[in-house]
Amino acid sequence: DLIDACTEALAEFEGRSNPVSRRTFQNDLALMRSDRLGYN
C-alpha cells in the first residue's frame, strides 16, 4: 500500500509511473527512523 502511494505521488510530480522498489522504500523507512534528519 505504501509503495503504491509513493509511486502515485511521484507520478503526479514527475509525470511518469516508475514503480518504487522495495529496496528504495526500505531505505526511506531507515532514513525516517534514523537520527540523520532528526526524525527518529
Full PDB file with SEQRES, HELIX, SHEET, SSBOND, CRYST1, ORIGX, SCALE, CONECT and MASTER records, all heavy atoms in Angstrom:
SEQRES   1 A   40  ASP LEU ILE ASP ALA CYS THR GLU ALA LEU ALA GLU PHE          
SEQRES   2 A   40  GLU GLY ARG SER ASN PRO VAL SER ARG ARG THR PHE GLN          
SEQRES   3 A   40  ASN ASP LEU ALA LEU MET ARG SER ASP ARG LEU GLY TYR          
SEQRES   4 A   40  ASN                                                          
HELIX    1 AA1 LEU A    2  GLU A   14  1                                  13    
HELIX    2 AA2 ARG A   22  ARG A   33  1                                  12    
CRYST1    1.000    1.000    1.000  90.00  90.00  90.00 P 1           1          
ORIGX1      1.000000  0.000000  0.000000        0.00000                         
ORIGX2      0.000000  1.000000  0.000000        0.00000                         
ORIGX3      0.000000  0.000000  1.000000        0.00000                         
SCALE1      1.000000  0.000000  0.000000        0.00000                         
SCALE2      0.000000  1.000000  0.000000        0.00000                         
SCALE3      0.000000  0.000000  1.000000        0.00000                         
ATOM      1  N   ASP A   1       0.831  -1.204   0.000  1.00  0.00           N  
ATOM      2  CA  ASP A   1       0.000   0.000   0.000  1.00  0.00           C  
ATOM      3  C   ASP A   1       0.868   1.258   0.000  1.00  0.00           C  
ATOM      4  O   ASP A   1       0.621   2.214  -0.746  1.00  0.00           O  
ATOM      5  CB  ASP A   1      -0.914   0.025   1.232  1.00  0.00           C  
ATOM      6  CG  ASP A   1      -1.961  -1.076   1.204  1.00  0.00           C  
ATOM      7  OD1 ASP A   1      -2.317  -1.521   0.102  1.00  0.00           O  
ATOM      8  OD2 ASP A   1      -2.392  -1.493   2.294  1.00  0.00           O  
ATOM      9  N   LEU A   2       1.885   1.256   0.851  1.00  0.00           N  
ATOM     10  CA  LEU A   2       2.761   2.424   0.971  1.00  0.00           C  
ATOM     11  C   LEU A   2       3.597   2.622  -0.285  1.00  0.00           C  
ATOM     12  O   LEU A   2       3.812   3.758  -0.728  1.00  0.00           O  
ATOM     13  CB  LEU A   2       3.657   2.282   2.198  1.00  0.00           C  
ATOM     14  CG  LEU A   2       2.922   2.335   3.550  1.00  0.00           C  
ATOM     15  CD1 LEU A   2       3.865   1.954   4.683  1.00  0.00           C  
ATOM     16  CD2 LEU A   2       2.329   3.724   3.789  1.00  0.00           C  
ATOM     17  N   ILE A   3       4.070   1.525  -0.858  1.00  0.00           N  
ATOM     18  CA  ILE A   3       4.845   1.621  -2.095  1.00  0.00           C  
ATOM     19  C   ILE A   3       3.980   2.171  -3.219  1.00  0.00           C  
ATOM     20  O   ILE A   3       4.414   3.029  -4.000  1.00  0.00           O  
ATOM     21  CB  ILE A   3       5.442   0.249  -2.476  1.00  0.00           C  
ATOM     22  CG1 ILE A   3       6.588  -0.107  -1.515  1.00  0.00           C  
ATOM     23  CG2 ILE A   3       5.942   0.250  -3.922  1.00  0.00           C  
ATOM     24  CD1 ILE A   3       7.162  -1.492  -1.734  1.00  0.00           C  
ATOM     25  N   ASP A   4       2.732   1.698  -3.299  1.00  0.00           N  
ATOM     26  CA  ASP A   4       1.813   2.202  -4.322  1.00  0.00           C  
ATOM     27  C   ASP A   4       1.544   3.697  -4.140  1.00  0.00           C  
ATOM     28  O   ASP A   4       1.486   4.456  -5.116  1.00  0.00           O  
ATOM     29  CB  ASP A   4       0.484   1.435  -4.269  1.00  0.00           C  
ATOM     30  CG  ASP A   4       0.609   0.010  -4.784  1.00  0.00           C  
ATOM     31  OD1 ASP A   4       1.634  -0.288  -5.437  1.00  0.00           O  
ATOM     32  OD2 ASP A   4      -0.305  -0.800  -4.515  1.00  0.00           O  
ATOM     33  N   ALA A   5       1.381   4.124  -2.891  1.00  0.00           N  
ATOM     34  CA  ALA A   5       1.127   5.540  -2.613  1.00  0.00           C  
ATOM     35  C   ALA A   5       2.316   6.399  -3.037  1.00  0.00           C  
ATOM     36  O   ALA A   5       2.149   7.479  -3.617  1.00  0.00           O  
ATOM     37  CB  ALA A   5       0.826   5.737  -1.130  1.00  0.00           C  
ATOM     38  N   CYS A   6       3.530   5.913  -2.758  1.00  0.00           N  
ATOM     39  CA  CYS A   6       4.741   6.640  -3.151  1.00  0.00           C  
ATOM     40  C   CYS A   6       4.864   6.701  -4.670  1.00  0.00           C  
ATOM     41  O   CYS A   6       5.239   7.740  -5.236  1.00  0.00           O  
ATOM     42  CB  CYS A   6       5.978   5.982  -2.549  1.00  0.00           C  
ATOM     43  SG  CYS A   6       6.109   6.151  -0.753  1.00  0.00           S  
ATOM     44  N   THR A   7       4.557   5.594  -5.329  1.00  0.00           N  
ATOM     45  CA  THR A   7       4.625   5.549  -6.792  1.00  0.00           C  
ATOM     46  C   THR A   7       3.652   6.543  -7.412  1.00  0.00           C  
ATOM     47  O   THR A   7       3.987   7.266  -8.355  1.00  0.00           O  
ATOM     48  CB  THR A   7       4.319   4.126  -7.299  1.00  0.00           C  
ATOM     49  OG1 THR A   7       5.302   3.220  -6.781  1.00  0.00           O  
ATOM     50  CG2 THR A   7       4.355   4.078  -8.819  1.00  0.00           C  
ATOM     51  N   GLU A   8       2.427   6.602  -6.863  1.00  0.00           N  
ATOM     52  CA  GLU A   8       1.417   7.532  -7.378  1.00  0.00           C  
ATOM     53  C   GLU A   8       1.834   8.983  -7.141  1.00  0.00           C  
ATOM     54  O   GLU A   8       1.628   9.847  -8.004  1.00  0.00           O  
ATOM     55  CB  GLU A   8       0.072   7.252  -6.710  1.00  0.00           C  
ATOM     56  CG  GLU A   8      -0.561   5.926  -7.146  1.00  0.00           C  
ATOM     57  CD  GLU A   8      -1.809   5.599  -6.345  1.00  0.00           C  
ATOM     58  OE1 GLU A   8      -2.247   6.459  -5.549  1.00  0.00           O  
ATOM     59  OE2 GLU A   8      -2.344   4.483  -6.516  1.00  0.00           O  
ATOM     60  N   ALA A   9       2.414   9.255  -5.985  1.00  0.00           N  
ATOM     61  CA  ALA A   9       2.849  10.626  -5.688  1.00  0.00           C  
ATOM     62  C   ALA A   9       3.944  11.063  -6.646  1.00  0.00           C  
ATOM     63  O   ALA A   9       3.943  12.197  -7.142  1.00  0.00           O  
ATOM     64  CB  ALA A   9       3.333  10.715  -4.235  1.00  0.00           C  
ATOM     65  N   LEU A  10       4.897  10.171  -6.918  1.00  0.00           N  
ATOM     66  CA  LEU A  10       5.966  10.505  -7.855  1.00  0.00           C  
ATOM     67  C   LEU A  10       5.418  10.709  -9.259  1.00  0.00           C  
ATOM     68  O   LEU A  10       5.899  11.567 -10.007  1.00  0.00           O  
ATOM     69  CB  LEU A  10       7.030   9.407  -7.862  1.00  0.00           C  
ATOM     70  CG  LEU A  10       7.920   9.333  -6.618  1.00  0.00           C  
ATOM     71  CD1 LEU A  10       8.825   8.111  -6.679  1.00  0.00           C  
ATOM     72  CD2 LEU A  10       8.758  10.598  -6.477  1.00  0.00           C  
ATOM     73  N   ALA A  11       4.413   9.923  -9.621  1.00  0.00           N  
ATOM     74  CA  ALA A  11       3.808  10.065 -10.943  1.00  0.00           C  
ATOM     75  C   ALA A  11       3.146  11.431 -11.091  1.00  0.00           C  
ATOM     76  O   ALA A  11       3.202  12.059 -12.151  1.00  0.00           O  
ATOM     77  CB  ALA A  11       2.783   8.953 -11.181  1.00  0.00           C  
ATOM     78  N   GLU A  12       2.520  11.919 -10.010  1.00  0.00           N  
ATOM     79  CA  GLU A  12       1.876  13.229 -10.054  1.00  0.00           C  
ATOM     80  C   GLU A  12       2.891  14.340 -10.265  1.00  0.00           C  
ATOM     81  O   GLU A  12       2.676  15.288 -11.009  1.00  0.00           O  
ATOM     82  CB  GLU A  12       1.091  13.478  -8.759  1.00  0.00           C  
ATOM     83  CG  GLU A  12      -0.126  12.601  -8.584  1.00  0.00           C  
ATOM     84  CD  GLU A  12      -1.236  12.951  -9.558  1.00  0.00           C  
ATOM     85  OE1 GLU A  12      -1.169  14.016 -10.195  1.00  0.00           O  
ATOM     86  OE2 GLU A  12      -2.176  12.157  -9.684  1.00  0.00           O  
ATOM     87  N   PHE A  13       4.058  14.227  -9.582  1.00  0.00           N  
ATOM     88  CA  PHE A  13       5.082  15.258  -9.679  1.00  0.00           C  
ATOM     89  C   PHE A  13       5.864  15.166 -10.983  1.00  0.00           C  
ATOM     90  O   PHE A  13       6.176  16.171 -11.605  1.00  0.00           O  
ATOM     91  CB  PHE A  13       6.074  15.140  -8.505  1.00  0.00           C  
ATOM     92  CG  PHE A  13       5.632  15.897  -7.284  1.00  0.00           C  
ATOM     93  CD1 PHE A  13       4.895  15.275  -6.302  1.00  0.00           C  
ATOM     94  CD2 PHE A  13       5.947  17.227  -7.116  1.00  0.00           C  
ATOM     95  CE1 PHE A  13       4.487  15.965  -5.169  1.00  0.00           C  
ATOM     96  CE2 PHE A  13       5.545  17.922  -5.999  1.00  0.00           C  
ATOM     97  CZ  PHE A  13       4.807  17.298  -5.014  1.00  0.00           C  
ATOM     98  N   GLU A  14       6.224  13.936 -11.384  1.00  0.00           N  
ATOM     99  CA  GLU A  14       7.179  13.762 -12.473  1.00  0.00           C  
ATOM    100  C   GLU A  14       6.540  13.298 -13.771  1.00  0.00           C  
ATOM    101  O   GLU A  14       7.213  13.180 -14.789  1.00  0.00           O  
ATOM    102  CB  GLU A  14       8.271  12.772 -12.045  1.00  0.00           C  
ATOM    103  CG  GLU A  14       9.036  13.275 -10.818  1.00  0.00           C  
ATOM    104  CD  GLU A  14      10.064  12.268 -10.316  1.00  0.00           C  
ATOM    105  OE1 GLU A  14      10.068  11.125 -10.818  1.00  0.00           O  
ATOM    106  OE2 GLU A  14      10.864  12.634  -9.440  1.00  0.00           O  
ATOM    107  N   GLY A  15       5.242  12.997 -13.750  1.00  0.00           N  
ATOM    108  CA  GLY A  15       4.549  12.631 -14.965  1.00  0.00           C  
ATOM    109  C   GLY A  15       4.873  11.254 -15.501  1.00  0.00           C  
ATOM    110  O   GLY A  15       4.609  10.943 -16.651  1.00  0.00           O  
ATOM    111  N   ARG A  16       5.478  10.413 -14.699  1.00  0.00           N  
ATOM    112  CA  ARG A  16       5.766   9.044 -15.132  1.00  0.00           C  
ATOM    113  C   ARG A  16       5.618   8.118 -13.939  1.00  0.00           C  
ATOM    114  O   ARG A  16       5.916   8.483 -12.821  1.00  0.00           O  
ATOM    115  CB  ARG A  16       7.173   8.930 -15.715  1.00  0.00           C  
ATOM    116  CG  ARG A  16       8.256   9.482 -14.798  1.00  0.00           C  
ATOM    117  CD  ARG A  16       9.629   9.427 -15.445  1.00  0.00           C  
ATOM    118  NE  ARG A  16      10.649   9.912 -14.550  1.00  0.00           N  
ATOM    119  CZ  ARG A  16      11.931   9.982 -14.877  1.00  0.00           C  
ATOM    120  NH1 ARG A  16      12.314   9.589 -16.076  1.00  0.00           N  
ATOM    121  NH2 ARG A  16      12.810  10.433 -14.015  1.00  0.00           N  
ATOM    122  N   SER A  17       5.190   6.903 -14.184  1.00  0.00           N  
ATOM    123  CA  SER A  17       4.878   5.995 -13.079  1.00  0.00           C  
ATOM    124  C   SER A  17       5.865   4.832 -13.021  1.00  0.00           C  
ATOM    125  O   SER A  17       5.505   3.692 -13.291  1.00  0.00           O  
ATOM    126  CB  SER A  17       3.441   5.479 -13.210  1.00  0.00           C  
ATOM    127  OG  SER A  17       3.247   4.898 -14.485  1.00  0.00           O  
ATOM    128  N   ASN A  18       7.107   5.125 -12.712  1.00  0.00           N  
ATOM    129  CA  ASN A  18       8.080   4.062 -12.472  1.00  0.00           C  
ATOM    130  C   ASN A  18       7.873   3.543 -11.056  1.00  0.00           C  
ATOM    131  O   ASN A  18       7.969   4.310 -10.094  1.00  0.00           O  
ATOM    132  CB  ASN A  18       9.513   4.585 -12.628  1.00  0.00           C  
ATOM    133  CG  ASN A  18       9.804   5.018 -14.051  1.00  0.00           C  
ATOM    134  OD1 ASN A  18       9.237   4.466 -14.981  1.00  0.00           O  
ATOM    135  ND2 ASN A  18      10.658   6.007 -14.209  1.00  0.00           N  
ATOM    136  N   PRO A  19       7.575   2.257 -10.891  1.00  0.00           N  
ATOM    137  CA  PRO A  19       7.288   1.727  -9.558  1.00  0.00           C  
ATOM    138  C   PRO A  19       8.458   1.934  -8.595  1.00  0.00           C  
ATOM    139  O   PRO A  19       9.625   1.764  -8.965  1.00  0.00           O  
ATOM    140  CB  PRO A  19       7.052   0.231  -9.815  1.00  0.00           C  
ATOM    141  CG  PRO A  19       6.698   0.143 -11.263  1.00  0.00           C  
ATOM    142  CD  PRO A  19       7.472   1.226 -11.940  1.00  0.00           C  
ATOM    143  N   VAL A  20       8.136   2.317  -7.370  1.00  0.00           N  
ATOM    144  CA  VAL A  20       9.148   2.437  -6.325  1.00  0.00           C  
ATOM    145  C   VAL A  20       9.536   1.018  -5.883  1.00  0.00           C  
ATOM    146  O   VAL A  20       8.674   0.191  -5.601  1.00  0.00           O  
ATOM    147  CB  VAL A  20       8.604   3.239  -5.126  1.00  0.00           C  
ATOM    148  CG1 VAL A  20       9.593   3.230  -3.969  1.00  0.00           C  
ATOM    149  CG2 VAL A  20       8.275   4.667  -5.562  1.00  0.00           C  
ATOM    150  N   SER A  21      10.823   0.749  -5.819  1.00  0.00           N  
ATOM    151  CA  SER A  21      11.274  -0.588  -5.441  1.00  0.00           C  
ATOM    152  C   SER A  21      11.187  -0.788  -3.929  1.00  0.00           C  
ATOM    153  O   SER A  21      11.156   0.178  -3.154  1.00  0.00           O  
ATOM    154  CB  SER A  21      12.716  -0.815  -5.894  1.00  0.00           C  
ATOM    155  OG  SER A  21      13.594   0.005  -5.151  1.00  0.00           O  
ATOM    156  N   ARG A  22      11.142  -2.051  -3.510  1.00  0.00           N  
ATOM    157  CA  ARG A  22      11.107  -2.350  -2.074  1.00  0.00           C  
ATOM    158  C   ARG A  22      12.381  -1.853  -1.400  1.00  0.00           C  
ATOM    159  O   ARG A  22      12.345  -1.378  -0.262  1.00  0.00           O  
ATOM    160  CB  ARG A  22      10.953  -3.857  -1.845  1.00  0.00           C  
ATOM    161  CG  ARG A  22       9.516  -4.348  -2.053  1.00  0.00           C  
ATOM    162  CD  ARG A  22       9.359  -5.797  -1.664  1.00  0.00           C  
ATOM    163  NE  ARG A  22       7.947  -6.181  -1.718  1.00  0.00           N  
ATOM    164  CZ  ARG A  22       7.260  -6.651  -0.705  1.00  0.00           C  
ATOM    165  NH1 ARG A  22       7.835  -6.813   0.468  1.00  0.00           N  
ATOM    166  NH2 ARG A  22       5.991  -6.973  -0.830  1.00  0.00           N  
ATOM    167  N   ARG A  23      13.499  -1.981  -2.105  1.00  0.00           N  
ATOM    168  CA  ARG A  23      14.771  -1.540  -1.515  1.00  0.00           C  
ATOM    169  C   ARG A  23      14.749  -0.033  -1.266  1.00  0.00           C  
ATOM    170  O   ARG A  23      15.184   0.431  -0.206  1.00  0.00           O  
ATOM    171  CB  ARG A  23      15.925  -1.896  -2.453  1.00  0.00           C  
ATOM    172  CG  ARG A  23      17.289  -1.487  -1.912  1.00  0.00           C  
ATOM    173  CD  ARG A  23      18.394  -1.959  -2.835  1.00  0.00           C  
ATOM    174  NE  ARG A  23      19.702  -1.571  -2.322  1.00  0.00           N  
ATOM    175  CZ  ARG A  23      20.855  -1.844  -2.922  1.00  0.00           C  
ATOM    176  NH1 ARG A  23      20.851  -2.529  -4.058  1.00  0.00           N  
ATOM    177  NH2 ARG A  23      21.992  -1.437  -2.404  1.00  0.00           N  
ATOM    178  N   THR A  24      14.232   0.724  -2.241  1.00  0.00           N  
ATOM    179  CA  THR A  24      14.131   2.177  -2.058  1.00  0.00           C  
ATOM    180  C   THR A  24      13.209   2.512  -0.894  1.00  0.00           C  
ATOM    181  O   THR A  24      13.512   3.382  -0.069  1.00  0.00           O  
ATOM    182  CB  THR A  24      13.607   2.834  -3.342  1.00  0.00           C  
ATOM    183  OG1 THR A  24      14.550   2.618  -4.404  1.00  0.00           O  
ATOM    184  CG2 THR A  24      13.408   4.332  -3.158  1.00  0.00           C  
ATOM    185  N   PHE A  25      12.081   1.807  -0.815  1.00  0.00           N  
ATOM    186  CA  PHE A  25      11.129   2.028   0.281  1.00  0.00           C  
ATOM    187  C   PHE A  25      11.772   1.731   1.635  1.00  0.00           C  
ATOM    188  O   PHE A  25      11.629   2.500   2.588  1.00  0.00           O  
ATOM    189  CB  PHE A  25       9.893   1.157   0.075  1.00  0.00           C  
ATOM    190  CG  PHE A  25       8.926   1.211   1.219  1.00  0.00           C  
ATOM    191  CD1 PHE A  25       8.088   2.301   1.392  1.00  0.00           C  
ATOM    192  CD2 PHE A  25       8.858   0.176   2.144  1.00  0.00           C  
ATOM    193  CE1 PHE A  25       7.195   2.357   2.454  1.00  0.00           C  
ATOM    194  CE2 PHE A  25       7.972   0.222   3.204  1.00  0.00           C  
ATOM    195  CZ  PHE A  25       7.140   1.322   3.360  1.00  0.00           C  
ATOM    196  N   GLN A  26      12.507   0.615   1.726  1.00  0.00           N  
ATOM    197  CA  GLN A  26      13.173   0.266   2.984  1.00  0.00           C  
ATOM    198  C   GLN A  26      14.219   1.314   3.356  1.00  0.00           C  
ATOM    199  O   GLN A  26      14.391   1.649   4.537  1.00  0.00           O  
ATOM    200  CB  GLN A  26      13.815  -1.120   2.864  1.00  0.00           C  
ATOM    201  CG  GLN A  26      12.826  -2.266   2.696  1.00  0.00           C  
ATOM    202  CD  GLN A  26      11.980  -2.525   3.941  1.00  0.00           C  
ATOM    203  OE1 GLN A  26      12.143  -1.878   4.962  1.00  0.00           O  
ATOM    204  NE2 GLN A  26      11.063  -3.493   3.830  1.00  0.00           N  
ATOM    205  N   ASN A  27      14.911   1.858   2.347  1.00  0.00           N  
ATOM    206  CA  ASN A  27      15.884   2.923   2.618  1.00  0.00           C  
ATOM    207  C   ASN A  27      15.197   4.173   3.158  1.00  0.00           C  
ATOM    208  O   ASN A  27      15.717   4.854   4.053  1.00  0.00           O  
ATOM    209  CB  ASN A  27      16.662   3.270   1.347  1.00  0.00           C  
ATOM    210  CG  ASN A  27      17.649   2.197   0.957  1.00  0.00           C  
ATOM    211  OD1 ASN A  27      18.074   1.388   1.791  1.00  0.00           O  
ATOM    212  ND2 ASN A  27      18.045   2.179  -0.299  1.00  0.00           N  
ATOM    213  N   ASP A  28      14.018   4.470   2.610  1.00  0.00           N  
ATOM    214  CA  ASP A  28      13.257   5.633   3.097  1.00  0.00           C  
ATOM    215  C   ASP A  28      12.815   5.427   4.549  1.00  0.00           C  
ATOM    216  O   ASP A  28      12.898   6.355   5.367  1.00  0.00           O  
ATOM    217  CB  ASP A  28      12.025   5.865   2.217  1.00  0.00           C  
ATOM    218  CG  ASP A  28      12.376   6.317   0.815  1.00  0.00           C  
ATOM    219  OD1 ASP A  28      13.486   6.842   0.630  1.00  0.00           O  
ATOM    220  OD2 ASP A  28      11.539   6.139  -0.093  1.00  0.00           O  
ATOM    221  N   LEU A  29      12.353   4.227   4.871  1.00  0.00           N  
ATOM    222  CA  LEU A  29      11.962   3.937   6.252  1.00  0.00           C  
ATOM    223  C   LEU A  29      13.148   4.077   7.192  1.00  0.00           C  
ATOM    224  O   LEU A  29      13.026   4.635   8.293  1.00  0.00           O  
ATOM    225  CB  LEU A  29      11.387   2.521   6.364  1.00  0.00           C  
ATOM    226  CG  LEU A  29       9.969   2.271   5.847  1.00  0.00           C  
ATOM    227  CD1 LEU A  29       9.525   0.867   6.242  1.00  0.00           C  
ATOM    228  CD2 LEU A  29       8.981   3.295   6.400  1.00  0.00           C  
ATOM    229  N   ALA A  30      14.298   3.552   6.755  1.00  0.00           N  
ATOM    230  CA  ALA A  30      15.507   3.641   7.588  1.00  0.00           C  
ATOM    231  C   ALA A  30      15.893   5.098   7.814  1.00  0.00           C  
ATOM    232  O   ALA A  30      16.308   5.483   8.915  1.00  0.00           O  
ATOM    233  CB  ALA A  30      16.651   2.870   6.926  1.00  0.00           C  
ATOM    234  N   LEU A  31      15.746   5.936   6.770  1.00  0.00           N  
ATOM    235  CA  LEU A  31      16.051   7.356   6.895  1.00  0.00           C  
ATOM    236  C   LEU A  31      15.113   8.026   7.890  1.00  0.00           C  
ATOM    237  O   LEU A  31      15.539   8.826   8.733  1.00  0.00           O  
ATOM    238  CB  LEU A  31      15.943   8.029   5.523  1.00  0.00           C  
ATOM    239  CG  LEU A  31      16.197   9.535   5.467  1.00  0.00           C  
ATOM    240  CD1 LEU A  31      17.632   9.838   5.851  1.00  0.00           C  
ATOM    241  CD2 LEU A  31      15.897  10.071   4.069  1.00  0.00           C  
ATOM    242  N   MET A  32      13.828   7.697   7.818  1.00  0.00           N  
ATOM    243  CA  MET A  32      12.848   8.296   8.718  1.00  0.00           C  
ATOM    244  C   MET A  32      13.059   7.831  10.161  1.00  0.00           C  
ATOM    245  O   MET A  32      12.879   8.607  11.102  1.00  0.00           O  
ATOM    246  CB  MET A  32      11.436   7.950   8.265  1.00  0.00           C  
ATOM    247  CG  MET A  32      11.051   8.550   6.912  1.00  0.00           C  
ATOM    248  SD  MET A  32       9.418   7.994   6.323  1.00  0.00           S  
ATOM    249  CE  MET A  32       8.340   8.844   7.482  1.00  0.00           C  
ATOM    250  N   ARG A  33      13.459   6.583  10.331  1.00  0.00           N  
ATOM    251  CA  ARG A  33      13.657   6.047  11.683  1.00  0.00           C  
ATOM    252  C   ARG A  33      14.955   6.533  12.315  1.00  0.00           C  
ATOM    253  O   ARG A  33      15.105   6.524  13.535  1.00  0.00           O  
ATOM    254  CB  ARG A  33      13.677   4.519  11.629  1.00  0.00           C  
ATOM    255  CG  ARG A  33      12.308   3.869  11.460  1.00  0.00           C  
ATOM    256  CD  ARG A  33      12.443   2.415  11.112  1.00  0.00           C  
ATOM    257  NE  ARG A  33      11.187   1.670  11.248  1.00  0.00           N  
ATOM    258  CZ  ARG A  33      10.925   0.527  10.630  1.00  0.00           C  
ATOM    259  NH1 ARG A  33      11.843  -0.027   9.831  1.00  0.00           N  
ATOM    260  NH2 ARG A  33       9.765  -0.068  10.812  1.00  0.00           N  
ATOM    261  N   SER A  34      15.888   6.964  11.489  1.00  0.00           N  
ATOM    262  CA  SER A  34      17.215   7.333  11.983  1.00  0.00           C  
ATOM    263  C   SER A  34      17.231   8.757  12.531  1.00  0.00           C  
ATOM    264  O   SER A  34      16.245   9.498  12.447  1.00  0.00           O  
ATOM    265  CB  SER A  34      18.245   7.206  10.863  1.00  0.00           C  
ATOM    266  OG  SER A  34      18.089   8.277   9.935  1.00  0.00           O  
ATOM    267  N   ASP A  35      18.396   9.138  13.036  1.00  0.00           N  
ATOM    268  CA  ASP A  35      18.590  10.488  13.572  1.00  0.00           C  
ATOM    269  C   ASP A  35      19.239  11.405  12.540  1.00  0.00           C  
ATOM    270  O   ASP A  35      19.557  12.545  12.840  1.00  0.00           O  
ATOM    271  CB  ASP A  35      19.465  10.421  14.825  1.00  0.00           C  
ATOM    272  CG  ASP A  35      19.527  11.759  15.553  1.00  0.00           C  
ATOM    273  OD1 ASP A  35      18.468  12.388  15.708  1.00  0.00           O  
ATOM    274  OD2 ASP A  35      20.646  12.174  15.926  1.00  0.00           O  
ATOM    275  N   ARG A  36      19.433  10.879  11.342  1.00  0.00           N  
ATOM    276  CA  ARG A  36      20.151  11.664  10.343  1.00  0.00           C  
ATOM    277  C   ARG A  36      19.479  13.004  10.084  1.00  0.00           C  
ATOM    278  O   ARG A  36      20.133  14.036   9.982  1.00  0.00           O  
ATOM    279  CB  ARG A  36      20.257  10.882   9.028  1.00  0.00           C  
ATOM    280  CG  ARG A  36      20.975  11.676   7.947  1.00  0.00           C  
ATOM    281  CD  ARG A  36      20.983  10.989   6.609  1.00  0.00           C  
ATOM    282  NE  ARG A  36      21.302  11.940   5.574  1.00  0.00           N  
ATOM    283  CZ  ARG A  36      21.171  11.721   4.291  1.00  0.00           C  
ATOM    284  NH1 ARG A  36      20.721  10.557   3.869  1.00  0.00           N  
ATOM    285  NH2 ARG A  36      21.468  12.642   3.401  1.00  0.00           N  
ATOM    286  N   LEU A  37      18.136  12.998   9.970  1.00  0.00           N  
ATOM    287  CA  LEU A  37      17.394  14.234   9.772  1.00  0.00           C  
ATOM    288  C   LEU A  37      16.722  14.699  11.055  1.00  0.00           C  
ATOM    289  O   LEU A  37      16.000  15.697  11.065  1.00  0.00           O  
ATOM    290  CB  LEU A  37      16.331  14.056   8.676  1.00  0.00           C  
ATOM    291  CG  LEU A  37      16.858  13.670   7.288  1.00  0.00           C  
ATOM    292  CD1 LEU A  37      15.698  13.513   6.311  1.00  0.00           C  
ATOM    293  CD2 LEU A  37      17.829  14.708   6.771  1.00  0.00           C  
ATOM    294  N   GLY A  38      16.941  13.938  12.124  1.00  0.00           N  
ATOM    295  CA  GLY A  38      16.339  14.301  13.401  1.00  0.00           C  
ATOM    296  C   GLY A  38      14.936  13.783  13.584  1.00  0.00           C  
ATOM    297  O   GLY A  38      14.242  14.175  14.524  1.00  0.00           O  
ATOM    298  N   TYR A  39      14.453  12.885  12.688  1.00  0.00           N  
ATOM    299  CA  TYR A  39      13.086  12.386  12.781  1.00  0.00           C  
ATOM    300  C   TYR A  39      12.919  11.355  13.903  1.00  0.00           C  
ATOM    301  O   TYR A  39      12.016  11.463  14.726  1.00  0.00           O  
ATOM    302  CB  TYR A  39      12.646  11.741  11.459  1.00  0.00           C  
ATOM    303  CG  TYR A  39      12.502  12.712  10.310  1.00  0.00           C  
ATOM    304  CD1 TYR A  39      12.667  12.285   8.998  1.00  0.00           C  
ATOM    305  CD2 TYR A  39      12.183  14.049  10.521  1.00  0.00           C  
ATOM    306  CE1 TYR A  39      12.526  13.161   7.931  1.00  0.00           C  
ATOM    307  CE2 TYR A  39      12.042  14.924   9.475  1.00  0.00           C  
ATOM    308  CZ  TYR A  39      12.218  14.483   8.181  1.00  0.00           C  
ATOM    309  OH  TYR A  39      12.076  15.340   7.137  1.00  0.00           O  
ATOM    310  N   ASN A  40      13.765  10.318  13.895  1.00  0.00           N  
ATOM    311  CA  ASN A  40      13.598   9.199  14.829  1.00  0.00           C  
ATOM    312  C   ASN A  40      12.155   8.710  14.816  1.00  0.00           C  
ATOM    313  O   ASN A  40      11.533   8.479  15.858  1.00  0.00           O  
ATOM    314  CB  ASN A  40      13.998   9.608  16.254  1.00  0.00           C  
ATOM    315  CG  ASN A  40      15.489   9.908  16.357  1.00  0.00           C  
ATOM    316  OD1 ASN A  40      16.320   9.072  16.023  1.00  0.00           O  
ATOM    317  ND2 ASN A  40      15.822  11.109  16.799  1.00  0.00           N  
TER     318      ASN A  40                                                      
MASTER        0    0    0    2    0    0    0    6  317    1    0    4          
END                                                                             
